[in-house]
Amino acid sequence: MTEKVLLSVQDLKRHFDIGHGQTLKAVDGISFDIVKGETFGLVGESGCGKSTAGRTILGLYNRTDGKVLFEDKDVHEMSDKERTGYLKKMQMIFQDPYASLNPRSTVFEIIAEPMEIHKLYKKEELKSRVYELLEDVGLNRDHANRYPHEFSGGQRQRIGIARALALDPEFIIADEPISALDVSVQAQVVKLLQRLQKEKNLTYLFIAHDLSMVKYISDRIGVMYLGHMVELTTSNQLYEDPLHPYTQALLSAIPIPDPDIEESRERILLQGELPSPINPPSGCVFRTRCAHAMSICAEKKPVWKEQEPGHFVGCHLYN
């Protein structure tokens, strides 16, 4: 893996005006870099803003503030012509394979559509390319003339992956690509993504809430809570030495496949409900559920700092 930064997210914010003078702060100032060739995991509870972050990075949502630099160019300041080229390099795999595929289109039409829009191939070349993509994801050319409803969930997600690969992208945002699949199929799809990454030199932003699967596929992991990044480090370091109380709680919830260890270990239970991003707590947004909360946590937002080489955390315990 080279050390070239492919994507740089700098103090990114995405707020939604929901009327009556209220603002939903879905993403409220997150920063991280993704190095070319790596898989960067982005995790957190439902509602933490991770999927909104992915869509804002891609440009499906306009940013409220901050920068998204792809190959040193700000995605949200590109001209229409530049954006067309950028979209060829950056694609998304969506969470729900049932909703993300047009039920009225054949598999061939679904995969061919982005290539037709960008006028990449003539008719016979296009057909060969679609067949090649189907084989890349573990399907075959006989599947090309079928409709999405004729496939299982895992097969539909493979079709979605083939569509994402159609324009030969460099970077793929995988937005919870396995959460809607059976457990028996999840590992197959993750292994497919890993194989494709090696074969095609892809870079991934892998968004998920399942920390055990994120560890398996990711080089580095960022942990989000209520629109904020609270911790970021390598996959191994996060699991061996989590610093933020929220990360510690998430990791304690992962079951260990050893009944003796599982029965004796201590589970960290978070108190209370996840606060609303419409009216987040003052200071540290996690303080209302944190067993280590101090008076300063209500007064000041913690500083995002590098506590150890490559290990960043935003918590007053380390400020």
Protein backbone atom coordinates (compact mmCIF):
# COMPACT_ATOMS: atom_id res chain seq x y z
CA MET A 1 0.00 0.00 0.00
CA THR A 2 1.43 3.34 -1.05
CA GLU A 3 1.20 6.43 1.13
CA LYS A 4 -0.48 8.60 -1.47
CA VAL A 5 -3.61 10.26 -0.06
CA LEU A 6 -6.43 9.67 -2.52
CA LEU A 7 -9.25 11.29 -0.53
CA SER A 8 -9.02 13.96 2.16
CA VAL A 9 -12.09 14.91 4.21
CA GLN A 10 -11.54 18.15 6.11
CA ASP A 11 -13.97 19.41 8.79
CA LEU A 12 -16.91 18.14 6.73
CA LYS A 13 -20.39 19.20 7.82
CA ARG A 14 -23.79 18.28 6.45
CA HIS A 15 -26.75 19.91 8.19
CA PHE A 16 -30.40 19.63 7.17
CA ASP A 17 -32.95 22.41 7.65
CA ILE A 18 -36.05 20.60 8.93
CA GLY A 19 -38.18 23.72 9.37
CA HIS A 20 -39.43 25.69 12.37
CA GLY A 21 -35.94 27.09 12.84
CA GLN A 22 -34.49 23.64 13.57
CA THR A 23 -31.35 22.12 12.09
CA LEU A 24 -30.42 18.45 12.05
CA LYS A 25 -26.63 18.17 12.32
CA ALA A 26 -26.14 14.79 10.64
CA VAL A 27 -22.40 15.31 10.08
CA ASP A 28 -20.82 18.01 12.20
CA GLY A 29 -17.13 18.44 11.44
CA ILE A 30 -15.33 15.18 10.65
CA SER A 31 -11.81 14.89 9.21
CA PHE A 32 -9.83 11.94 7.88
CA ASP A 33 -7.63 10.89 4.95
CA ILE A 34 -7.89 7.70 2.91
CA VAL A 35 -4.67 6.37 1.41
CA LYS A 36 -4.71 4.88 -2.07
CA GLY A 37 -5.14 1.11 -1.94
CA GLU A 38 -6.45 0.88 1.63
CA THR A 39 -9.83 0.07 3.13
CA PHE A 40 -10.97 2.71 5.59
CA GLY A 41 -13.79 1.54 7.88
CA LEU A 42 -16.36 4.04 9.18
CA VAL A 43 -18.47 2.68 12.04
CA GLY A 44 -21.03 3.77 14.58
CA GLU A 45 -24.61 3.26 15.74
CA SER A 46 -27.57 3.81 13.43
CA GLY A 47 -28.18 7.55 13.16
CA CYS A 48 -24.57 8.58 13.82
CA GLY A 49 -24.24 10.14 10.34
CA LYS A 50 -21.90 7.66 8.66
CA SER A 51 -24.12 7.05 5.61
CA THR A 52 -24.79 10.78 5.25
CA ALA A 53 -21.02 11.31 5.33
CA GLY A 54 -20.58 8.79 2.51
CA ARG A 55 -23.22 10.44 0.34
CA THR A 56 -21.77 13.91 0.99
CA ILE A 57 -18.28 12.69 0.07
CA LEU A 58 -19.64 11.33 -3.21
CA GLY A 59 -21.55 14.55 -3.88
CA LEU A 60 -25.05 13.08 -3.64
CA TYR A 61 -25.61 15.60 -0.85
CA ASN A 62 -24.25 19.14 -0.93
CA ARG A 63 -21.90 19.93 1.93
CA THR A 64 -22.79 22.52 4.55
CA ASP A 65 -19.14 23.30 5.24
CA GLY A 66 -15.69 21.78 4.99
CA LYS A 67 -13.84 20.17 2.07
CA VAL A 68 -13.78 16.85 0.24
CA LEU A 69 -10.55 16.62 -1.75
CA PHE A 70 -10.29 13.79 -4.28
CA GLU A 71 -6.82 13.74 -5.86
CA ASP A 72 -6.35 17.25 -4.40
CA LYS A 73 -9.49 18.66 -6.09
CA ASP A 74 -12.52 19.74 -4.08
CA VAL A 75 -15.45 17.56 -5.15
CA HIS A 76 -17.98 20.27 -4.29
CA GLU A 77 -16.24 22.98 -6.33
CA MET A 78 -15.76 21.03 -9.57
CA SER A 79 -17.21 22.18 -12.88
CA ASP A 80 -19.78 19.93 -14.58
CA LYS A 81 -17.08 18.57 -16.88
CA GLU A 82 -14.71 17.83 -14.00
CA ARG A 83 -17.50 16.19 -12.03
CA THR A 84 -18.28 13.84 -14.94
CA GLY A 85 -14.69 12.61 -14.90
CA TYR A 86 -14.68 12.40 -11.12
CA LEU A 87 -17.83 10.27 -11.02
CA LYS A 88 -16.14 7.73 -13.27
CA LYS A 89 -13.39 7.36 -10.67
CA MET A 90 -15.65 7.18 -7.62
CA GLN A 91 -18.67 4.90 -7.22
CA MET A 92 -20.99 3.58 -4.51
CA ILE A 93 -22.32 0.19 -3.48
CA PHE A 94 -25.65 0.76 -1.75
CA GLN A 95 -26.93 -0.90 1.40
CA ASP A 96 -30.15 -2.47 0.16
CA PRO A 97 -29.73 -4.76 -2.87
CA TYR A 98 -33.53 -5.01 -3.10
CA ALA A 99 -34.15 -1.27 -3.45
CA SER A 100 -31.02 -0.18 -5.35
CA LEU A 101 -31.71 -2.19 -8.52
CA ASN A 102 -34.43 -1.16 -10.98
CA PRO A 103 -36.95 -4.03 -10.96
CA ARG A 104 -38.03 -3.22 -14.52
CA SER A 105 -34.54 -3.49 -15.99
CA THR A 106 -32.63 -6.64 -16.83
CA VAL A 107 -29.26 -7.26 -15.22
CA PHE A 108 -27.64 -6.42 -18.55
CA GLU A 109 -29.40 -3.04 -18.69
CA ILE A 110 -28.53 -2.25 -15.04
CA ILE A 111 -24.81 -2.89 -15.50
CA ALA A 112 -24.62 -1.37 -19.00
CA GLU A 113 -26.41 1.89 -18.10
CA PRO A 114 -23.43 3.82 -16.65
CA MET A 115 -21.23 2.79 -19.60
CA GLU A 116 -23.92 3.89 -22.05
CA ILE A 117 -24.29 7.26 -20.31
CA HIS A 118 -20.54 7.86 -20.61
CA LYS A 119 -20.46 6.39 -24.15
CA LEU A 120 -17.53 4.10 -23.36
CA TYR A 121 -18.19 1.16 -25.70
CA LYS A 122 -19.82 0.22 -28.96
CA LYS A 123 -22.60 -2.38 -28.93
CA GLU A 124 -20.56 -5.59 -29.13
CA GLU A 125 -17.84 -4.25 -26.83
CA LEU A 126 -20.51 -3.27 -24.32
CA LYS A 127 -21.95 -6.78 -24.30
CA SER A 128 -18.52 -8.32 -23.74
CA ARG A 129 -17.80 -5.86 -20.93
CA VAL A 130 -21.07 -6.68 -19.13
CA TYR A 131 -20.32 -10.41 -19.37
CA GLU A 132 -16.81 -9.78 -18.04
CA LEU A 133 -18.16 -7.84 -15.06
CA LEU A 134 -20.67 -10.56 -14.23
CA GLU A 135 -17.89 -13.13 -14.18
CA ASP A 136 -15.74 -10.82 -12.04
CA VAL A 137 -18.38 -10.89 -9.29
CA GLY A 138 -19.03 -14.62 -9.43
CA LEU A 139 -22.06 -14.67 -11.75
CA ASN A 140 -22.24 -15.77 -15.40
CA ARG A 141 -23.47 -14.40 -18.70
CA ASP A 142 -26.69 -16.40 -18.50
CA HIS A 143 -27.76 -14.08 -15.68
CA ALA A 144 -27.64 -11.02 -17.95
CA ASN A 145 -31.19 -11.35 -19.31
CA ARG A 146 -32.87 -11.99 -15.96
CA TYR A 147 -34.54 -9.46 -13.66
CA PRO A 148 -33.51 -8.57 -10.08
CA HIS A 149 -36.45 -10.41 -8.47
CA GLU A 150 -35.09 -13.70 -9.83
CA PHE A 151 -31.98 -13.48 -7.62
CA SER A 152 -31.17 -13.99 -3.95
CA GLY A 153 -30.03 -11.07 -1.78
CA GLY A 154 -26.37 -12.03 -2.11
CA GLN A 155 -26.64 -12.31 -5.89
CA ARG A 156 -28.36 -8.92 -6.10
CA GLN A 157 -25.54 -7.34 -4.13
CA ARG A 158 -23.06 -8.92 -6.57
CA ILE A 159 -25.01 -7.24 -9.38
CA GLY A 160 -24.73 -3.93 -7.51
CA ILE A 161 -20.99 -4.46 -7.17
CA ALA A 162 -20.70 -5.19 -10.90
CA ARG A 163 -22.54 -1.94 -11.64
CA ALA A 164 -20.16 -0.04 -9.36
CA LEU A 165 -17.19 -1.52 -11.25
CA ALA A 166 -18.58 -0.68 -14.70
CA LEU A 167 -16.65 2.60 -15.08
CA ASP A 168 -13.35 1.20 -13.76
CA PRO A 169 -13.38 3.38 -10.60
CA GLU A 170 -10.41 3.95 -8.32
CA PHE A 171 -12.47 4.52 -5.18
CA ILE A 172 -15.66 2.82 -3.97
CA ILE A 173 -17.89 3.81 -1.07
CA ALA A 174 -19.51 0.64 0.27
CA ASP A 175 -22.47 1.84 2.35
CA GLU A 176 -23.31 -1.04 4.69
CA PRO A 177 -23.13 -3.48 1.74
CA ILE A 178 -23.72 -6.61 3.85
CA SER A 179 -26.17 -5.46 6.54
CA ALA A 180 -29.24 -6.56 4.53
CA LEU A 181 -27.78 -10.01 3.78
CA ASP A 182 -27.98 -13.31 5.61
CA VAL A 183 -25.01 -13.98 7.89
CA SER A 184 -24.03 -16.97 5.75
CA VAL A 185 -23.72 -14.68 2.70
CA GLN A 186 -21.98 -11.73 4.36
CA ALA A 187 -18.53 -13.36 4.47
CA GLN A 188 -18.80 -14.32 0.78
CA VAL A 189 -19.47 -10.72 -0.24
CA VAL A 190 -16.64 -9.39 1.94
CA LYS A 191 -14.20 -11.90 0.43
CA LEU A 192 -15.38 -10.86 -3.03
CA LEU A 193 -14.69 -7.20 -2.21
CA GLN A 194 -11.21 -8.10 -0.95
CA ARG A 195 -10.41 -10.09 -4.08
CA LEU A 196 -11.60 -7.29 -6.37
CA GLN A 197 -9.55 -4.77 -4.39
CA LYS A 198 -6.37 -6.75 -5.05
CA GLU A 199 -7.16 -7.44 -8.71
CA LYS A 200 -8.24 -3.90 -9.60
CA ASN A 201 -6.17 -1.83 -7.12
CA LEU A 202 -9.29 -0.36 -5.53
CA THR A 203 -9.60 1.91 -2.50
CA TYR A 204 -12.61 1.47 -0.22
CA LEU A 205 -14.58 3.51 2.29
CA PHE A 206 -16.42 0.68 4.07
CA ILE A 207 -19.37 1.97 6.11
CA ALA A 208 -20.88 -0.42 8.67
CA HIS A 209 -22.13 -0.88 12.21
CA ASP A 210 -20.75 -4.43 12.64
CA LEU A 211 -17.34 -3.88 14.23
CA SER A 212 -16.30 -7.53 13.92
CA MET A 213 -16.71 -7.50 10.14
CA VAL A 214 -15.12 -4.05 9.84
CA LYS A 215 -12.01 -5.31 11.60
CA TYR A 216 -11.78 -8.19 9.14
CA ILE A 217 -11.77 -5.98 6.03
CA SER A 218 -10.34 -2.60 7.17
CA ASP A 219 -6.79 -1.26 7.42
CA ARG A 220 -7.86 1.72 9.53
CA ILE A 221 -11.12 2.52 11.29
CA GLY A 222 -12.86 5.75 12.22
CA VAL A 223 -15.57 5.66 14.90
CA MET A 224 -18.48 8.12 14.63
CA TYR A 225 -20.95 9.22 17.27
CA LEU A 226 -23.78 11.71 16.69
CA GLY A 227 -22.15 13.35 13.68
CA HIS A 228 -18.64 13.52 15.18
CA MET A 229 -15.52 11.41 14.80
CA VAL A 230 -14.45 10.22 18.25
CA GLU A 231 -11.56 7.88 17.45
CA LEU A 232 -9.40 6.86 14.49
CA THR A 233 -6.53 4.39 14.26
CA THR A 234 -5.44 1.12 12.65
CA SER A 235 -7.78 -1.83 12.86
CA ASN A 236 -5.49 -3.82 15.16
CA GLN A 237 -4.79 -0.86 17.45
CA LEU A 238 -8.48 -0.06 17.80
CA TYR A 239 -9.28 -3.56 18.98
CA GLU A 240 -6.21 -3.98 21.18
CA ASP A 241 -6.23 -0.54 22.83
CA PRO A 242 -9.44 1.45 22.33
CA LEU A 243 -9.17 4.87 23.98
CA HIS A 244 -12.60 6.48 23.72
CA PRO A 245 -15.28 5.23 26.15
CA TYR A 246 -17.74 4.88 23.27
CA THR A 247 -15.34 2.68 21.29
CA GLN A 248 -14.73 0.58 24.38
CA ALA A 249 -18.48 0.07 24.80
CA LEU A 250 -18.95 -0.92 21.16
CA LEU A 251 -16.13 -3.46 21.32
CA SER A 252 -17.44 -4.95 24.56
CA ALA A 253 -20.70 -5.80 22.78
CA ILE A 254 -18.98 -8.07 20.23
CA PRO A 255 -19.55 -11.70 21.28
CA ILE A 256 -16.47 -13.89 21.72
CA PRO A 257 -16.81 -17.48 20.38
CA ASP A 258 -15.52 -18.98 23.63
CA PRO A 259 -18.22 -19.59 26.24
CA ASP A 260 -15.81 -19.42 29.19
CA ILE A 261 -14.35 -16.05 28.15
CA GLU A 262 -17.74 -14.70 27.08
CA GLU A 263 -19.33 -15.57 30.43
CA SER A 264 -16.57 -14.03 32.54
CA ARG A 265 -15.84 -10.79 30.67
CA GLU A 266 -17.40 -7.47 31.63
CA ARG A 267 -19.84 -5.84 29.26
CA ILE A 268 -19.91 -2.02 29.12
CA LEU A 269 -23.55 -0.92 29.01
CA LEU A 270 -24.28 2.60 27.80
CA GLN A 271 -26.88 4.44 29.82
CA GLY A 272 -29.74 6.36 28.23
CA GLU A 273 -30.84 6.82 24.65
CA LEU A 274 -28.87 8.27 21.73
CA PRO A 275 -29.46 12.07 21.84
CA SER A 276 -31.09 13.83 18.92
CA PRO A 277 -28.82 15.43 16.31
CA ILE A 278 -31.38 18.25 16.24
CA ASN A 279 -30.50 19.19 19.82
CA PRO A 280 -27.14 17.55 20.65
CA PRO A 281 -25.57 17.87 24.12
CA SER A 282 -23.21 20.79 24.76
CA GLY A 283 -19.48 20.17 24.89
CA CYS A 284 -18.79 16.49 24.28
CA VAL A 285 -21.78 14.93 22.49
CA PHE A 286 -21.14 11.58 24.21
CA ARG A 287 -21.15 12.93 27.79
CA THR A 288 -24.82 12.08 28.49
CA ARG A 289 -24.05 8.36 28.12
CA CYS A 290 -20.46 8.32 29.41
CA ALA A 291 -19.52 6.79 32.77
CA HIS A 292 -16.39 9.00 32.87
CA ALA A 293 -18.12 12.34 32.22
CA MET A 294 -16.66 15.36 34.05
CA SER A 295 -17.84 18.94 34.42
CA ILE A 296 -15.56 20.09 31.58
CA CYS A 297 -17.31 17.64 29.23
CA ALA A 298 -20.46 19.80 29.35
CA GLU A 299 -18.52 23.03 28.88
CA LYS A 300 -16.06 22.36 26.06
CA LYS A 301 -15.88 20.22 22.97
CA PRO A 302 -12.87 17.87 23.31
CA VAL A 303 -9.85 18.55 21.11
CA TRP A 304 -9.21 16.07 18.30
CA LYS A 305 -5.62 15.03 18.95
CA GLU A 306 -3.06 12.39 18.05
CA GLN A 307 -2.63 10.60 21.36
CA GLU A 308 -0.21 8.04 19.92
CA PRO A 309 1.39 7.84 16.46
CA GLY A 310 -1.52 7.33 14.06
CA HIS A 311 -4.05 7.03 16.90
CA PHE A 312 -6.44 10.00 17.12
CA VAL A 313 -9.09 10.57 19.77
CA GLY A 314 -11.47 13.34 20.82
CA CYS A 315 -12.00 12.98 24.57
CA HIS A 316 -11.29 15.11 27.66
CA LEU A 317 -9.70 12.08 29.34
CA TYR A 318 -6.72 12.65 27.05
CA ASN A 319 -6.74 16.45 26.69
